[in-house]
Amino acid sequence: MEIDIKERSPFKVVHLSGDVDMHSSPAVRQAILDGLKGKQPLLVELSAVTYMDSSGVASLVEGFQTARQQGSEFGLAAVARPVLSVLKLARLDKVFPIHASVDERLARGD
């Protein structure tokens, strides 16, 4: 599991790659929550995630709820097929804003 955090104004982008499981999800959770500390909008880029279990999903849900509580935007971008399958199974694909890519969301502008 690798975590890379970049600024793509006005967003902070957390790019994840590899498996997000019970061993790596605490680091994922911390990266997401740290990214939300400045109330900056945050995107989690998931194109390189090969596997995600319920602990990874819980980290995304916590990030979404934290962003909502503080009035900032939270979204997922370029969601890999294995992750999208898990999100659909839990019906979270209807909850999370999901963007085709980070660039697509940035181009939207609002």
PDB file of N, CA and C in Angstrom:
ATOM      1  N   MET A   1       0.844  -1.178   0.000  1.00  0.00           N
ATOM      2  CA  MET A   1       0.000   0.000   0.000  1.00  0.00           C
ATOM      3  C   MET A   1       0.884   1.233   0.000  1.00  0.00           C
ATOM      4  N   GLU A   2       0.582   2.140  -0.905  1.00  0.00           N
ATOM      5  CA  GLU A   2       1.276   3.420  -0.963  1.00  0.00           C
ATOM      6  C   GLU A   2       0.257   4.547  -0.898  1.00  0.00           C
ATOM      7  N   ILE A   3       0.649   5.617  -0.214  1.00  0.00           N
ATOM      8  CA  ILE A   3      -0.190   6.806  -0.084  1.00  0.00           C
ATOM      9  C   ILE A   3       0.632   7.995  -0.551  1.00  0.00           C
ATOM     10  N   ASP A   4       0.062   8.749  -1.479  1.00  0.00           N
ATOM     11  CA  ASP A   4       0.724   9.946  -1.984  1.00  0.00           C
ATOM     12  C   ASP A   4      -0.277  11.094  -1.886  1.00  0.00           C
ATOM     13  N   ILE A   5       0.132  12.182  -1.253  1.00  0.00           N
ATOM     14  CA  ILE A   5      -0.765  13.324  -1.067  1.00  0.00           C
ATOM     15  C   ILE A   5      -0.215  14.503  -1.860  1.00  0.00           C
ATOM     16  N   LYS A   6      -1.091  15.100  -2.677  1.00  0.00           N
ATOM     17  CA  LYS A   6      -0.697  16.235  -3.503  1.00  0.00           C
ATOM     18  C   LYS A   6      -1.727  17.349  -3.388  1.00  0.00           C
ATOM     19  N   GLU A   7      -1.269  18.555  -3.644  1.00  0.00           N
ATOM     20  CA  GLU A   7      -2.156  19.706  -3.741  1.00  0.00           C
ATOM     21  C   GLU A   7      -2.543  19.868  -5.208  1.00  0.00           C
ATOM     22  N   ARG A   8      -3.831  19.909  -5.484  1.00  0.00           N
ATOM     23  CA  ARG A   8      -4.340  20.236  -6.821  1.00  0.00           C
ATOM     24  C   ARG A   8      -5.425  21.269  -6.592  1.00  0.00           C
ATOM     25  N   SER A   9      -4.998  22.485  -6.422  1.00  0.00           N
ATOM     26  CA  SER A   9      -5.857  23.584  -5.994  1.00  0.00           C
ATOM     27  C   SER A   9      -7.213  23.563  -6.704  1.00  0.00           C
ATOM     28  N   PRO A  10      -8.279  23.676  -5.932  1.00  0.00           N
ATOM     29  CA  PRO A  10      -8.348  23.921  -4.494  1.00  0.00           C
ATOM     30  C   PRO A  10      -8.354  22.639  -3.655  1.00  0.00           C
ATOM     31  N   PHE A  11      -8.148  21.491  -4.295  1.00  0.00           N
ATOM     32  CA  PHE A  11      -8.264  20.206  -3.598  1.00  0.00           C
ATOM     33  C   PHE A  11      -6.932  19.709  -3.048  1.00  0.00           C
ATOM     34  N   LYS A  12      -7.047  18.924  -2.004  1.00  0.00           N
ATOM     35  CA  LYS A  12      -5.965  18.046  -1.585  1.00  0.00           C
ATOM     36  C   LYS A  12      -6.357  16.684  -2.147  1.00  0.00           C
ATOM     37  N   VAL A  13      -5.403  15.987  -2.765  1.00  0.00           N
ATOM     38  CA  VAL A  13      -5.690  14.691  -3.383  1.00  0.00           C
ATOM     39  C   VAL A  13      -4.868  13.622  -2.682  1.00  0.00           C
ATOM     40  N   VAL A  14      -5.563  12.611  -2.163  1.00  0.00           N
ATOM     41  CA  VAL A  14      -4.922  11.456  -1.545  1.00  0.00           C
ATOM     42  C   VAL A  14      -4.984  10.328  -2.569  1.00  0.00           C
ATOM     43  N   HIS A  15      -3.822   9.976  -3.111  1.00  0.00           N
ATOM     44  CA  HIS A  15      -3.741   8.916  -4.112  1.00  0.00           C
ATOM     45  C   HIS A  15      -3.314   7.633  -3.403  1.00  0.00           C
ATOM     46  N   LEU A  16      -4.143   6.597  -3.536  1.00  0.00           N
ATOM     47  CA  LEU A  16      -3.866   5.306  -2.906  1.00  0.00           C
ATOM     48  C   LEU A  16      -3.523   4.280  -3.984  1.00  0.00           C
ATOM     49  N   SER A  17      -2.608   3.377  -3.657  1.00  0.00           N
ATOM     50  CA  SER A  17      -2.313   2.282  -4.570  1.00  0.00           C
ATOM     51  C   SER A  17      -2.021   1.021  -3.763  1.00  0.00           C
ATOM     52  N   GLY A  18      -2.361  -0.121  -4.347  1.00  0.00           N
ATOM     53  CA  GLY A  18      -2.159  -1.393  -3.668  1.00  0.00           C
ATOM     54  C   GLY A  18      -3.411  -1.842  -2.938  1.00  0.00           C
ATOM     55  N   ASP A  19      -3.215  -2.662  -1.916  1.00  0.00           N
ATOM     56  CA  ASP A  19      -4.324  -3.203  -1.132  1.00  0.00           C
ATOM     57  C   ASP A  19      -4.628  -2.290   0.052  1.00  0.00           C
ATOM     58  N   VAL A  20      -5.910  -1.985   0.222  1.00  0.00           N
ATOM     59  CA  VAL A  20      -6.363  -1.250   1.405  1.00  0.00           C
ATOM     60  C   VAL A  20      -7.107  -2.263   2.262  1.00  0.00           C
ATOM     61  N   ASP A  21      -6.425  -2.715   3.309  1.00  0.00           N
ATOM     62  CA  ASP A  21      -6.983  -3.756   4.165  1.00  0.00           C
ATOM     63  C   ASP A  21      -6.761  -3.378   5.627  1.00  0.00           C
ATOM     64  N   MET A  22      -7.022  -4.321   6.524  1.00  0.00           N
ATOM     65  CA  MET A  22      -6.939  -4.000   7.953  1.00  0.00           C
ATOM     66  C   MET A  22      -5.533  -3.589   8.376  1.00  0.00           C
ATOM     67  N   HIS A  23      -4.526  -3.965   7.617  1.00  0.00           N
ATOM     68  CA  HIS A  23      -3.157  -3.579   7.965  1.00  0.00           C
ATOM     69  C   HIS A  23      -2.827  -2.162   7.511  1.00  0.00           C
ATOM     70  N   SER A  24      -3.347  -1.774   6.357  1.00  0.00           N
ATOM     71  CA  SER A  24      -3.018  -0.449   5.812  1.00  0.00           C
ATOM     72  C   SER A  24      -4.082   0.603   6.075  1.00  0.00           C
ATOM     73  N   SER A  25      -5.287   0.199   6.434  1.00  0.00           N
ATOM     74  CA  SER A  25      -6.368   1.178   6.595  1.00  0.00           C
ATOM     75  C   SER A  25      -6.125   2.213   7.695  1.00  0.00           C
ATOM     76  N   PRO A  26      -5.408   1.909   8.798  1.00  0.00           N
ATOM     77  CA  PRO A  26      -5.134   2.990   9.760  1.00  0.00           C
ATOM     78  C   PRO A  26      -4.330   4.140   9.136  1.00  0.00           C
ATOM     79  N   ALA A  27      -3.383   3.829   8.264  1.00  0.00           N
ATOM     80  CA  ALA A  27      -2.598   4.874   7.590  1.00  0.00           C
ATOM     81  C   ALA A  27      -3.469   5.628   6.585  1.00  0.00           C
ATOM     82  N   VAL A  28      -4.352   4.913   5.906  1.00  0.00           N
ATOM     83  CA  VAL A  28      -5.279   5.549   4.966  1.00  0.00           C
ATOM     84  C   VAL A  28      -6.206   6.485   5.717  1.00  0.00           C
ATOM     85  N   ARG A  29      -6.766   6.012   6.798  1.00  0.00           N
ATOM     86  CA  ARG A  29      -7.660   6.825   7.626  1.00  0.00           C
ATOM     87  C   ARG A  29      -6.957   8.103   8.075  1.00  0.00           C
ATOM     88  N   GLN A  30      -5.726   7.964   8.557  1.00  0.00           N
ATOM     89  CA  GLN A  30      -4.977   9.122   9.051  1.00  0.00           C
ATOM     90  C   GLN A  30      -4.684  10.113   7.930  1.00  0.00           C
ATOM     91  N   ALA A  31      -4.320   9.612   6.749  1.00  0.00           N
ATOM     92  CA  ALA A  31      -4.038  10.488   5.604  1.00  0.00           C
ATOM     93  C   ALA A  31      -5.287  11.274   5.203  1.00  0.00           C
ATOM     94  N   ILE A  32      -6.424  10.605   5.201  1.00  0.00           N
ATOM     95  CA  ILE A  32      -7.679  11.271   4.841  1.00  0.00           C
ATOM     96  C   ILE A  32      -8.035  12.329   5.888  1.00  0.00           C
ATOM     97  N   LEU A  33      -7.984  11.957   7.158  1.00  0.00           N
ATOM     98  CA  LEU A  33      -8.337  12.916   8.210  1.00  0.00           C
ATOM     99  C   LEU A  33      -7.354  14.081   8.266  1.00  0.00           C
ATOM    100  N   ASP A  34      -6.064  13.812   8.059  1.00  0.00           N
ATOM    101  CA  ASP A  34      -5.076  14.892   8.013  1.00  0.00           C
ATOM    102  C   ASP A  34      -5.370  15.831   6.849  1.00  0.00           C
ATOM    103  N   GLY A  35      -5.758  15.267   5.728  1.00  0.00           N
ATOM    104  CA  GLY A  35      -6.083  16.081   4.563  1.00  0.00           C
ATOM    105  C   GLY A  35      -7.279  16.981   4.768  1.00  0.00           C
ATOM    106  N   LEU A  36      -8.156  16.589   5.658  1.00  0.00           N
ATOM    107  CA  LEU A  36      -9.363  17.378   5.927  1.00  0.00           C
ATOM    108  C   LEU A  36      -9.170  18.413   7.041  1.00  0.00           C
ATOM    109  N   LYS A  37      -8.031  18.411   7.702  1.00  0.00           N
ATOM    110  CA  LYS A  37      -7.830  19.298   8.857  1.00  0.00           C
ATOM    111  C   LYS A  37      -7.999  20.783   8.535  1.00  0.00           C
ATOM    112  N   GLY A  38      -7.560  21.201   7.374  1.00  0.00           N
ATOM    113  CA  GLY A  38      -7.685  22.613   7.018  1.00  0.00           C
ATOM    114  C   GLY A  38      -9.011  22.955   6.370  1.00  0.00           C
ATOM    115  N   LYS A  39      -9.967  22.034   6.447  1.00  0.00           N
ATOM    116  CA  LYS A  39     -11.275  22.178   5.815  1.00  0.00           C
ATOM    117  C   LYS A  39     -11.153  22.378   4.308  1.00  0.00           C
ATOM    118  N   GLN A  40     -10.048  21.894   3.752  1.00  0.00           N
ATOM    119  CA  GLN A  40      -9.819  21.944   2.322  1.00  0.00           C
ATOM    120  C   GLN A  40     -10.594  20.810   1.660  1.00  0.00           C
ATOM    121  N   PRO A  41     -11.187  21.041   0.485  1.00  0.00           N
ATOM    122  CA  PRO A  41     -11.864  19.933  -0.190  1.00  0.00           C
ATOM    123  C   PRO A  41     -10.869  18.815  -0.506  1.00  0.00           C
ATOM    124  N   LEU A  42     -11.343  17.568  -0.442  1.00  0.00           N
ATOM    125  CA  LEU A  42     -10.449  16.428  -0.578  1.00  0.00           C
ATOM    126  C   LEU A  42     -11.002  15.418  -1.572  1.00  0.00           C
ATOM    127  N   LEU A  43     -10.121  14.915  -2.418  1.00  0.00           N
ATOM    128  CA  LEU A  43     -10.445  13.816  -3.320  1.00  0.00           C
ATOM    129  C   LEU A  43      -9.554  12.630  -2.978  1.00  0.00           C
ATOM    130  N   VAL A  44     -10.133  11.446  -2.994  1.00  0.00           N
ATOM    131  CA  VAL A  44      -9.359  10.216  -2.811  1.00  0.00           C
ATOM    132  C   VAL A  44      -9.320   9.523  -4.169  1.00  0.00           C
ATOM    133  N   GLU A  45      -8.123   9.415  -4.734  1.00  0.00           N
ATOM    134  CA  GLU A  45      -7.919   8.834  -6.060  1.00  0.00           C
ATOM    135  C   GLU A  45      -7.609   7.350  -5.901  1.00  0.00           C
ATOM    136  N   LEU A  46      -8.437   6.513  -6.529  1.00  0.00           N
ATOM    137  CA  LEU A  46      -8.406   5.076  -6.257  1.00  0.00           C
ATOM    138  C   LEU A  46      -8.100   4.223  -7.485  1.00  0.00           C
ATOM    139  N   SER A  47      -7.529   4.792  -8.535  1.00  0.00           N
ATOM    140  CA  SER A  47      -7.316   4.032  -9.767  1.00  0.00           C
ATOM    141  C   SER A  47      -6.331   2.879  -9.606  1.00  0.00           C
ATOM    142  N   ALA A  48      -5.413   2.981  -8.661  1.00  0.00           N
ATOM    143  CA  ALA A  48      -4.381   1.952  -8.494  1.00  0.00           C
ATOM    144  C   ALA A  48      -4.632   1.035  -7.294  1.00  0.00           C
ATOM    145  N   VAL A  49      -5.828   1.076  -6.739  1.00  0.00           N
ATOM    146  CA  VAL A  49      -6.159   0.197  -5.613  1.00  0.00           C
ATOM    147  C   VAL A  49      -6.617  -1.146  -6.172  1.00  0.00           C
ATOM    148  N   THR A  50      -5.960  -2.200  -5.742  1.00  0.00           N
ATOM    149  CA  THR A  50      -6.248  -3.538  -6.262  1.00  0.00           C
ATOM    150  C   THR A  50      -7.225  -4.328  -5.395  1.00  0.00           C
ATOM    151  N   TYR A  51      -7.367  -3.903  -4.136  1.00  0.00           N
ATOM    152  CA  TYR A  51      -8.249  -4.617  -3.197  1.00  0.00           C
ATOM    153  C   TYR A  51      -8.614  -3.660  -2.081  1.00  0.00           C
ATOM    154  N   MET A  52      -9.873  -3.706  -1.639  1.00  0.00           N
ATOM    155  CA  MET A  52     -10.291  -2.922  -0.479  1.00  0.00           C
ATOM    156  C   MET A  52     -11.267  -3.747   0.341  1.00  0.00           C
ATOM    157  N   ASP A  53     -10.978  -3.871   1.638  1.00  0.00           N
ATOM    158  CA  ASP A  53     -11.898  -4.587   2.519  1.00  0.00           C
ATOM    159  C   ASP A  53     -12.740  -3.584   3.304  1.00  0.00           C
ATOM    160  N   SER A  54     -13.513  -4.093   4.243  1.00  0.00           N
ATOM    161  CA  SER A  54     -14.444  -3.239   4.989  1.00  0.00           C
ATOM    162  C   SER A  54     -13.731  -2.177   5.826  1.00  0.00           C
ATOM    163  N   SER A  55     -12.509  -2.444   6.258  1.00  0.00           N
ATOM    164  CA  SER A  55     -11.789  -1.430   7.039  1.00  0.00           C
ATOM    165  C   SER A  55     -11.399  -0.247   6.145  1.00  0.00           C
ATOM    166  N   GLY A  56     -11.089  -0.514   4.887  1.00  0.00           N
ATOM    167  CA  GLY A  56     -10.810   0.565   3.940  1.00  0.00           C
ATOM    168  C   GLY A  56     -12.060   1.373   3.644  1.00  0.00           C
ATOM    169  N   VAL A  57     -13.172   0.671   3.459  1.00  0.00           N
ATOM    170  CA  VAL A  57     -14.449   1.349   3.233  1.00  0.00           C
ATOM    171  C   VAL A  57     -14.794   2.220   4.433  1.00  0.00           C
ATOM    172  N   ALA A  58     -14.564   1.709   5.641  1.00  0.00           N
ATOM    173  CA  ALA A  58     -14.845   2.474   6.854  1.00  0.00           C
ATOM    174  C   ALA A  58     -14.011   3.758   6.900  1.00  0.00           C
ATOM    175  N   SER A  59     -12.771   3.706   6.426  1.00  0.00           N
ATOM    176  CA  SER A  59     -11.924   4.900   6.382  1.00  0.00           C
ATOM    177  C   SER A  59     -12.505   5.941   5.430  1.00  0.00           C
ATOM    178  N   LEU A  60     -13.027   5.488   4.288  1.00  0.00           N
ATOM    179  CA  LEU A  60     -13.659   6.408   3.349  1.00  0.00           C
ATOM    180  C   LEU A  60     -14.934   7.016   3.941  1.00  0.00           C
ATOM    181  N   VAL A  61     -15.733   6.193   4.592  1.00  0.00           N
ATOM    182  CA  VAL A  61     -16.975   6.674   5.203  1.00  0.00           C
ATOM    183  C   VAL A  61     -16.668   7.707   6.280  1.00  0.00           C
ATOM    184  N   GLU A  62     -15.660   7.442   7.107  1.00  0.00           N
ATOM    185  CA  GLU A  62     -15.300   8.399   8.154  1.00  0.00           C
ATOM    186  C   GLU A  62     -14.838   9.730   7.541  1.00  0.00           C
ATOM    187  N   GLY A  63     -14.064   9.660   6.477  1.00  0.00           N
ATOM    188  CA  GLY A  63     -13.635  10.876   5.796  1.00  0.00           C
ATOM    189  C   GLY A  63     -14.811  11.648   5.237  1.00  0.00           C
ATOM    190  N   PHE A  64     -15.749  10.937   4.614  1.00  0.00           N
ATOM    191  CA  PHE A  64     -16.948  11.568   4.068  1.00  0.00           C
ATOM    192  C   PHE A  64     -17.754  12.260   5.162  1.00  0.00           C
ATOM    193  N   GLN A  65     -17.942  11.566   6.280  1.00  0.00           N
ATOM    194  CA  GLN A  65     -18.717  12.135   7.388  1.00  0.00           C
ATOM    195  C   GLN A  65     -18.011  13.335   8.013  1.00  0.00           C
ATOM    196  N   THR A  66     -16.706  13.255   8.156  1.00  0.00           N
ATOM    197  CA  THR A  66     -15.929  14.369   8.719  1.00  0.00           C
ATOM    198  C   THR A  66     -16.044  15.592   7.819  1.00  0.00           C
ATOM    199  N   ALA A  67     -15.885  15.386   6.518  1.00  0.00           N
ATOM    200  CA  ALA A  67     -15.994  16.501   5.571  1.00  0.00           C
ATOM    201  C   ALA A  67     -17.387  17.122   5.629  1.00  0.00           C
ATOM    202  N   ARG A  68     -18.383  16.290   5.698  1.00  0.00           N
ATOM    203  CA  ARG A  68     -19.758  16.796   5.760  1.00  0.00           C
ATOM    204  C   ARG A  68     -19.986  17.622   7.021  1.00  0.00           C
ATOM    205  N   GLN A  69     -19.482  17.148   8.151  1.00  0.00           N
ATOM    206  CA  GLN A  69     -19.637  17.871   9.415  1.00  0.00           C
ATOM    207  C   GLN A  69     -18.974  19.241   9.382  1.00  0.00           C
ATOM    208  N   GLN A  70     -17.845  19.344   8.681  1.00  0.00           N
ATOM    209  CA  GLN A  70     -17.150  20.625   8.658  1.00  0.00           C
ATOM    210  C   GLN A  70     -17.501  21.452   7.417  1.00  0.00           C
ATOM    211  N   GLY A  71     -18.401  20.952   6.587  1.00  0.00           N
ATOM    212  CA  GLY A  71     -18.868  21.717   5.438  1.00  0.00           C
ATOM    213  C   GLY A  71     -17.893  21.770   4.277  1.00  0.00           C
ATOM    214  N   SER A  72     -17.033  20.747   4.162  1.00  0.00           N
ATOM    215  CA  SER A  72     -16.105  20.717   3.035  1.00  0.00           C
ATOM    216  C   SER A  72     -16.455  19.554   2.110  1.00  0.00           C
ATOM    217  N   GLU A  73     -15.915  19.607   0.906  1.00  0.00           N
ATOM    218  CA  GLU A  73     -16.225  18.597  -0.095  1.00  0.00           C
ATOM    219  C   GLU A  73     -15.316  17.377   0.053  1.00  0.00           C
ATOM    220  N   PHE A  74     -15.890  16.213  -0.186  1.00  0.00           N
ATOM    221  CA  PHE A  74     -15.163  14.948  -0.165  1.00  0.00           C
ATOM    222  C   PHE A  74     -15.668  14.134  -1.339  1.00  0.00           C
ATOM    223  N   GLY A  75     -14.755  13.604  -2.128  1.00  0.00           N
ATOM    224  CA  GLY A  75     -15.175  12.782  -3.255  1.00  0.00           C
ATOM    225  C   GLY A  75     -14.139  11.725  -3.579  1.00  0.00           C
ATOM    226  N   LEU A  76     -14.570  10.768  -4.379  1.00  0.00           N
ATOM    227  CA  LEU A  76     -13.694   9.711  -4.860  1.00  0.00           C
ATOM    228  C   LEU A  76     -13.461   9.937  -6.346  1.00  0.00           C
ATOM    229  N   ALA A  77     -12.258   9.612  -6.809  1.00  0.00           N
ATOM    230  CA  ALA A  77     -11.934   9.805  -8.218  1.00  0.00           C
ATOM    231  C   ALA A  77     -11.284   8.550  -8.789  1.00  0.00           C
ATOM    232  N   ALA A  78     -11.591   8.278 -10.060  1.00  0.00           N
ATOM    233  CA  ALA A  78     -10.982   7.171 -10.798  1.00  0.00           C
ATOM    234  C   ALA A  78     -11.030   5.874  -9.994  1.00  0.00           C
ATOM    235  N   VAL A  79     -12.210   5.509  -9.563  1.00  0.00           N
ATOM    236  CA  VAL A  79     -12.377   4.340  -8.700  1.00  0.00           C
ATOM    237  C   VAL A  79     -12.132   3.055  -9.499  1.00  0.00           C
ATOM    238  N   ALA A  80     -11.144   2.277  -9.060  1.00  0.00           N
ATOM    239  CA  ALA A  80     -10.808   1.008  -9.719  1.00  0.00           C
ATOM    240  C   ALA A  80     -11.967   0.022  -9.587  1.00  0.00           C
ATOM    241  N   ARG A  81     -12.080  -0.849 -10.556  1.00  0.00           N
ATOM    242  CA  ARG A  81     -13.187  -1.812 -10.600  1.00  0.00           C
ATOM    243  C   ARG A  81     -13.344  -2.633  -9.309  1.00  0.00           C
ATOM    244  N   PRO A  82     -12.260  -3.163  -8.713  1.00  0.00           N
ATOM    245  CA  PRO A  82     -12.445  -3.942  -7.477  1.00  0.00           C
ATOM    246  C   PRO A  82     -13.045  -3.102  -6.340  1.00  0.00           C
ATOM    247  N   VAL A  83     -12.666  -1.849  -6.282  1.00  0.00           N
ATOM    248  CA  VAL A  83     -13.201  -0.970  -5.230  1.00  0.00           C
ATOM    249  C   VAL A  83     -14.649  -0.619  -5.535  1.00  0.00           C
ATOM    250  N   LEU A  84     -14.930  -0.324  -6.795  1.00  0.00           N
ATOM    251  CA  LEU A  84     -16.301   0.015  -7.170  1.00  0.00           C
ATOM    252  C   LEU A  84     -17.248  -1.143  -6.875  1.00  0.00           C
ATOM    253  N   SER A  85     -16.791  -2.367  -7.074  1.00  0.00           N
ATOM    254  CA  SER A  85     -17.620  -3.541  -6.763  1.00  0.00           C
ATOM    255  C   SER A  85     -17.988  -3.580  -5.284  1.00  0.00           C
ATOM    256  N   VAL A  86     -17.016  -3.292  -4.430  1.00  0.00           N
ATOM    257  CA  VAL A  86     -17.265  -3.284  -2.982  1.00  0.00           C
ATOM    258  C   VAL A  86     -18.225  -2.147  -2.628  1.00  0.00           C
ATOM    259  N   LEU A  87     -18.019  -0.976  -3.201  1.00  0.00           N
ATOM    260  CA  LEU A  87     -18.890   0.170  -2.918  1.00  0.00           C
ATOM    261  C   LEU A  87     -20.322  -0.104  -3.381  1.00  0.00           C
ATOM    262  N   LYS A  88     -20.463  -0.738  -4.548  1.00  0.00           N
ATOM    263  CA  LYS A  88     -21.799  -1.064  -5.052  1.00  0.00           C
ATOM    264  C   LYS A  88     -22.488  -2.087  -4.161  1.00  0.00           C
ATOM    265  N   LEU A  89     -21.735  -3.066  -3.696  1.00  0.00           N
ATOM    266  CA  LEU A  89     -22.287  -4.084  -2.819  1.00  0.00           C
ATOM    267  C   LEU A  89     -22.875  -3.458  -1.553  1.00  0.00           C
ATOM    268  N   ALA A  90     -22.188  -2.450  -1.038  1.00  0.00           N
ATOM    269  CA  ALA A  90     -22.646  -1.753   0.177  1.00  0.00           C
ATOM    270  C   ALA A  90     -23.570  -0.579  -0.156  1.00  0.00           C
ATOM    271  N   ARG A  91     -23.855  -0.383  -1.435  1.00  0.00           N
ATOM    272  CA  ARG A  91     -24.677   0.725  -1.937  1.00  0.00           C
ATOM    273  C   ARG A  91     -24.079   2.102  -1.633  1.00  0.00           C
ATOM    274  N   LEU A  92     -22.785   2.129  -1.417  1.00  0.00           N
ATOM    275  CA  LEU A  92     -22.115   3.389  -1.138  1.00  0.00           C
ATOM    276  C   LEU A  92     -21.799   4.159  -2.416  1.00  0.00           C
ATOM    277  N   ASP A  93     -21.939   3.519  -3.560  1.00  0.00           N
ATOM    278  CA  ASP A  93     -21.769   4.237  -4.828  1.00  0.00           C
ATOM    279  C   ASP A  93     -22.855   5.293  -5.004  1.00  0.00           C
ATOM    280  N   LYS A  94     -23.927   5.182  -4.229  1.00  0.00           N
ATOM    281  CA  LYS A  94     -25.010   6.174  -4.249  1.00  0.00           C
ATOM    282  C   LYS A  94     -24.786   7.267  -3.205  1.00  0.00           C
ATOM    283  N   VAL A  95     -23.834   7.053  -2.308  1.00  0.00           N
ATOM    284  CA  VAL A  95     -23.561   8.003  -1.226  1.00  0.00           C
ATOM    285  C   VAL A  95     -22.381   8.908  -1.570  1.00  0.00           C
ATOM    286  N   PHE A  96     -21.282   8.296  -1.976  1.00  0.00           N
ATOM    287  CA  PHE A  96     -20.069   9.060  -2.290  1.00  0.00           C
ATOM    288  C   PHE A  96     -20.203   9.770  -3.629  1.00  0.00           C
ATOM    289  N   PRO A  97     -19.754  11.023  -3.710  1.00  0.00           N
ATOM    290  CA  PRO A  97     -19.593  11.631  -5.027  1.00  0.00           C
ATOM    291  C   PRO A  97     -18.422  10.912  -5.719  1.00  0.00           C
ATOM    292  N   ILE A  98     -18.669  10.349  -6.886  1.00  0.00           N
ATOM    293  CA  ILE A  98     -17.641   9.604  -7.616  1.00  0.00           C
ATOM    294  C   ILE A  98     -17.395  10.306  -8.947  1.00  0.00           C
ATOM    295  N   HIS A  99     -16.129  10.653  -9.184  1.00  0.00           N
ATOM    296  CA  HIS A  99     -15.726  11.370 -10.385  1.00  0.00           C
ATOM    297  C   HIS A  99     -14.874  10.456 -11.263  1.00  0.00           C
ATOM    298  N   ALA A 100     -14.969  10.637 -12.572  1.00  0.00           N
ATOM    299  CA  ALA A 100     -14.213   9.813 -13.502  1.00  0.00           C
ATOM    300  C   ALA A 100     -12.709   9.946 -13.284  1.00  0.00           C
ATOM    301  N   SER A 101     -12.269  11.144 -12.915  1.00  0.00           N
ATOM    302  CA  SER A 101     -10.849  11.396 -12.657  1.00  0.00           C
ATOM    303  C   SER A 101     -10.712  12.671 -11.832  1.00  0.00           C
ATOM    304  N   VAL A 102      -9.534  12.894 -11.302  1.00  0.00           N
ATOM    305  CA  VAL A 102      -9.257  14.141 -10.588  1.00  0.00           C
ATOM    306  C   VAL A 102      -9.385  15.307 -11.565  1.00  0.00           C
ATOM    307  N   ASP A 103      -8.823  15.159 -12.758  1.00  0.00           N
ATOM    308  CA  ASP A 103      -8.890  16.228 -13.759  1.00  0.00           C
ATOM    309  C   ASP A 103     -10.325  16.569 -14.126  1.00  0.00           C
ATOM    310  N   GLU A 104     -11.173  15.544 -14.230  1.00  0.00           N
ATOM    311  CA  GLU A 104     -12.589  15.787 -14.552  1.00  0.00           C
ATOM    312  C   GLU A 104     -13.242  16.630 -13.469  1.00  0.00           C
ATOM    313  N   ARG A 105     -12.958  16.318 -12.207  1.00  0.00           N
ATOM    314  CA  ARG A 105     -13.556  17.091 -11.118  1.00  0.00           C
ATOM    315  C   ARG A 105     -13.010  18.519 -11.103  1.00  0.00           C
ATOM    316  N   LEU A 106     -11.706  18.672 -11.324  1.00  0.00           N
ATOM    317  CA  LEU A 106     -11.106  20.007 -11.339  1.00  0.00           C
ATOM    318  C   LEU A 106     -11.663  20.845 -12.482  1.00  0.00           C
ATOM    319  N   ALA A 107     -11.914  20.230 -13.620  1.00  0.00           N
ATOM    320  CA  ALA A 107     -12.426  20.952 -14.782  1.00  0.00           C
ATOM    321  C   ALA A 107     -13.848  21.458 -14.545  1.00  0.00           C
ATOM    322  N   ARG A 108     -14.564  20.787 -13.668  1.00  0.00           N
ATOM    323  CA  ARG A 108     -15.945  21.186 -13.372  1.00  0.00           C
ATOM    324  C   ARG A 108     -15.996  22.570 -12.732  1.00  0.00           C
ATOM    325  N   GLY A 109     -14.997  22.853 -11.906  1.00  0.00           N
ATOM    326  CA  GLY A 109     -14.845  24.191 -11.387  1.00  0.00           C
ATOM    327  C   GLY A 109     -15.618  24.609 -10.158  1.00  0.00           C
ATOM    328  N   ASP A 110     -16.802  24.143  -9.914  1.00  0.00           N
ATOM    329  CA  ASP A 110     -17.610  24.664  -8.793  1.00  0.00           C
ATOM    330  C   ASP A 110     -17.085  24.348  -7.433  1.00  0.00           C
TER     331      ASP A 110
END
